[in-house]
Amino acid sequence: MKMFALVFLGLCSVPASYAAGALARNPNNNESAVVVNKGTKDDAIHDAILACGSDCEIVTTFQNSCVAYAADHKTNSTVYGYGHASDVASSG
């Protein structure tokens, strides 16, 4: 049986000055971390790597938008995907 994790974030109602986010993923096991509501893209990247771990890499950053992430957490799987939308209504 495959295990999937799904993260969906709606940043559509957040003030623009605090709407930077980043998604980090560990390529070895698909573990992930998402941060939102950061003041800058660099802050979001820093905090996503900190939350995910040193083996993680940034998958995507986003600003004033929504993001979704899904991954197979089966051992040694590298299957994952993500998407962006300008608002929750457009994502579905």
C-alpha atoms as a PDB file:
ATOM      1  CA  MET A   1       0.000   0.000   0.000  1.00  0.00           C
ATOM      2  CA  LYS A   2       1.338   3.421  -0.898  1.00  0.00           C
ATOM      3  CA  MET A   3       1.202   6.221   1.618  1.00  0.00           C
ATOM      4  CA  PHE A   4       0.667   9.781   0.492  1.00  0.00           C
ATOM      5  CA  ALA A   5       0.902  13.045   2.343  1.00  0.00           C
ATOM      6  CA  LEU A   6      -0.951  16.095   1.130  1.00  0.00           C
ATOM      7  CA  VAL A   7      -0.387  19.656   2.194  1.00  0.00           C
ATOM      8  CA  PHE A   8      -2.675  22.398   0.970  1.00  0.00           C
ATOM      9  CA  LEU A   9      -2.099  25.995   1.906  1.00  0.00           C
ATOM     10  CA  GLY A  10      -4.311  28.936   1.140  1.00  0.00           C
ATOM     11  CA  LEU A  11      -2.481  32.218   1.333  1.00  0.00           C
ATOM     12  CA  CYS A  12      -5.168  34.158  -0.411  1.00  0.00           C
ATOM     13  CA  SER A  13      -6.363  36.283   2.481  1.00  0.00           C
ATOM     14  CA  VAL A  14      -2.971  37.086   3.997  1.00  0.00           C
ATOM     15  CA  PRO A  15      -1.695  40.673   3.794  1.00  0.00           C
ATOM     16  CA  ALA A  16       0.797  40.999   0.947  1.00  0.00           C
ATOM     17  CA  SER A  17       3.590  42.112   3.276  1.00  0.00           C
ATOM     18  CA  TYR A  18       3.540  38.708   5.037  1.00  0.00           C
ATOM     19  CA  ALA A  19       2.609  36.318   2.267  1.00  0.00           C
ATOM     20  CA  ALA A  20       5.904  34.669   1.318  1.00  0.00           C
ATOM     21  CA  GLY A  21       6.161  30.922   1.699  1.00  0.00           C
ATOM     22  CA  ALA A  22       8.394  27.996   0.811  1.00  0.00           C
ATOM     23  CA  LEU A  23       8.098  24.231   0.475  1.00  0.00           C
ATOM     24  CA  ALA A  24      11.130  22.092   1.333  1.00  0.00           C
ATOM     25  CA  ARG A  25      11.480  18.352   0.664  1.00  0.00           C
ATOM     26  CA  ASN A  26      13.967  15.682   1.642  1.00  0.00           C
ATOM     27  CA  PRO A  27      14.788  13.787  -1.583  1.00  0.00           C
ATOM     28  CA  ASN A  28      15.736  10.670   0.402  1.00  0.00           C
ATOM     29  CA  ASN A  29      12.343  10.067   2.021  1.00  0.00           C
ATOM     30  CA  ASN A  30       9.899  12.748   0.768  1.00  0.00           C
ATOM     31  CA  GLU A  31       9.518  14.263   4.230  1.00  0.00           C
ATOM     32  CA  SER A  32       8.610  17.912   3.872  1.00  0.00           C
ATOM     33  CA  ALA A  33       8.026  21.209   5.584  1.00  0.00           C
ATOM     34  CA  VAL A  34       6.046  24.233   4.495  1.00  0.00           C
ATOM     35  CA  VAL A  35       6.303  27.709   5.929  1.00  0.00           C
ATOM     36  CA  VAL A  36       3.899  30.556   5.246  1.00  0.00           C
ATOM     37  CA  ASN A  37       3.290  34.149   6.208  1.00  0.00           C
ATOM     38  CA  LYS A  38       6.932  35.201   6.072  1.00  0.00           C
ATOM     39  CA  GLY A  39       7.976  38.747   5.269  1.00  0.00           C
ATOM     40  CA  THR A  40      10.433  37.799   2.514  1.00  0.00           C
ATOM     41  CA  LYS A  41      11.224  34.904   0.197  1.00  0.00           C
ATOM     42  CA  ASP A  42      14.638  34.517   1.868  1.00  0.00           C
ATOM     43  CA  ASP A  43      12.992  34.241   5.301  1.00  0.00           C
ATOM     44  CA  ALA A  44      10.636  31.582   3.956  1.00  0.00           C
ATOM     45  CA  ILE A  45      13.484  29.567   2.421  1.00  0.00           C
ATOM     46  CA  HIS A  46      15.550  29.759   5.599  1.00  0.00           C
ATOM     47  CA  ASP A  47      12.676  28.667   7.821  1.00  0.00           C
ATOM     48  CA  ALA A  48      11.566  25.843   5.498  1.00  0.00           C
ATOM     49  CA  ILE A  49      15.058  24.315   5.459  1.00  0.00           C
ATOM     50  CA  LEU A  50      15.317  24.755   9.220  1.00  0.00           C
ATOM     51  CA  ALA A  51      11.970  23.004   9.738  1.00  0.00           C
ATOM     52  CA  CYS A  52      12.657  20.205   7.239  1.00  0.00           C
ATOM     53  CA  GLY A  53      16.295  19.441   8.008  1.00  0.00           C
ATOM     54  CA  SER A  54      19.731  19.799   6.493  1.00  0.00           C
ATOM     55  CA  ASP A  55      19.119  17.106   3.849  1.00  0.00           C
ATOM     56  CA  CYS A  56      16.159  19.023   2.447  1.00  0.00           C
ATOM     57  CA  GLU A  57      16.000  21.178  -0.659  1.00  0.00           C
ATOM     58  CA  ILE A  58      13.585  23.900  -1.666  1.00  0.00           C
ATOM     59  CA  VAL A  59      10.925  22.610  -4.059  1.00  0.00           C
ATOM     60  CA  THR A  60       9.181  25.927  -4.629  1.00  0.00           C
ATOM     61  CA  THR A  61       8.559  29.346  -3.188  1.00  0.00           C
ATOM     62  CA  PHE A  62       5.346  31.287  -3.480  1.00  0.00           C
ATOM     63  CA  GLN A  63       4.065  34.783  -2.874  1.00  0.00           C
ATOM     64  CA  ASN A  64       0.438  35.787  -2.327  1.00  0.00           C
ATOM     65  CA  SER A  65      -0.768  32.461  -3.698  1.00  0.00           C
ATOM     66  CA  CYS A  66      -1.780  28.940  -2.772  1.00  0.00           C
ATOM     67  CA  VAL A  67       0.256  25.754  -3.028  1.00  0.00           C
ATOM     68  CA  ALA A  68      -0.519  22.047  -2.740  1.00  0.00           C
ATOM     69  CA  TYR A  69       1.976  19.208  -2.224  1.00  0.00           C
ATOM     70  CA  ALA A  70       1.571  15.434  -2.325  1.00  0.00           C
ATOM     71  CA  ALA A  71       4.219  12.732  -1.929  1.00  0.00           C
ATOM     72  CA  ASP A  72       4.591   8.975  -1.803  1.00  0.00           C
ATOM     73  CA  HIS A  73       6.242   8.103   1.514  1.00  0.00           C
ATOM     74  CA  LYS A  74       7.068   4.533   0.528  1.00  0.00           C
ATOM     75  CA  THR A  75      10.719   3.690   1.298  1.00  0.00           C
ATOM     76  CA  ASN A  76      13.085   5.039  -1.384  1.00  0.00           C
ATOM     77  CA  SER A  77      10.263   6.627  -3.376  1.00  0.00           C
ATOM     78  CA  THR A  78      10.985   9.876  -5.154  1.00  0.00           C
ATOM     79  CA  VAL A  79       7.403  10.388  -6.375  1.00  0.00           C
ATOM     80  CA  TYR A  80       5.973  13.789  -5.461  1.00  0.00           C
ATOM     81  CA  GLY A  81       4.127  16.679  -7.009  1.00  0.00           C
ATOM     82  CA  TYR A  82       3.026  20.204  -6.263  1.00  0.00           C
ATOM     83  CA  GLY A  83       0.959  22.956  -7.797  1.00  0.00           C
ATOM     84  CA  HIS A  84       0.315  26.675  -7.524  1.00  0.00           C
ATOM     85  CA  ALA A  85      -2.845  28.720  -7.881  1.00  0.00           C
ATOM     86  CA  SER A  86      -3.603  32.402  -7.451  1.00  0.00           C
ATOM     87  CA  ASP A  87      -6.480  31.595  -5.100  1.00  0.00           C
ATOM     88  CA  VAL A  88      -8.262  28.630  -3.544  1.00  0.00           C
ATOM     89  CA  ALA A  89     -11.077  28.702  -6.123  1.00  0.00           C
ATOM     90  CA  SER A  90      -8.590  28.364  -8.997  1.00  0.00           C
ATOM     91  CA  SER A  91      -6.829  25.390  -7.402  1.00  0.00           C
ATOM     92  CA  GLY A  92      -9.617  22.954  -7.644  1.00  0.00           C
END
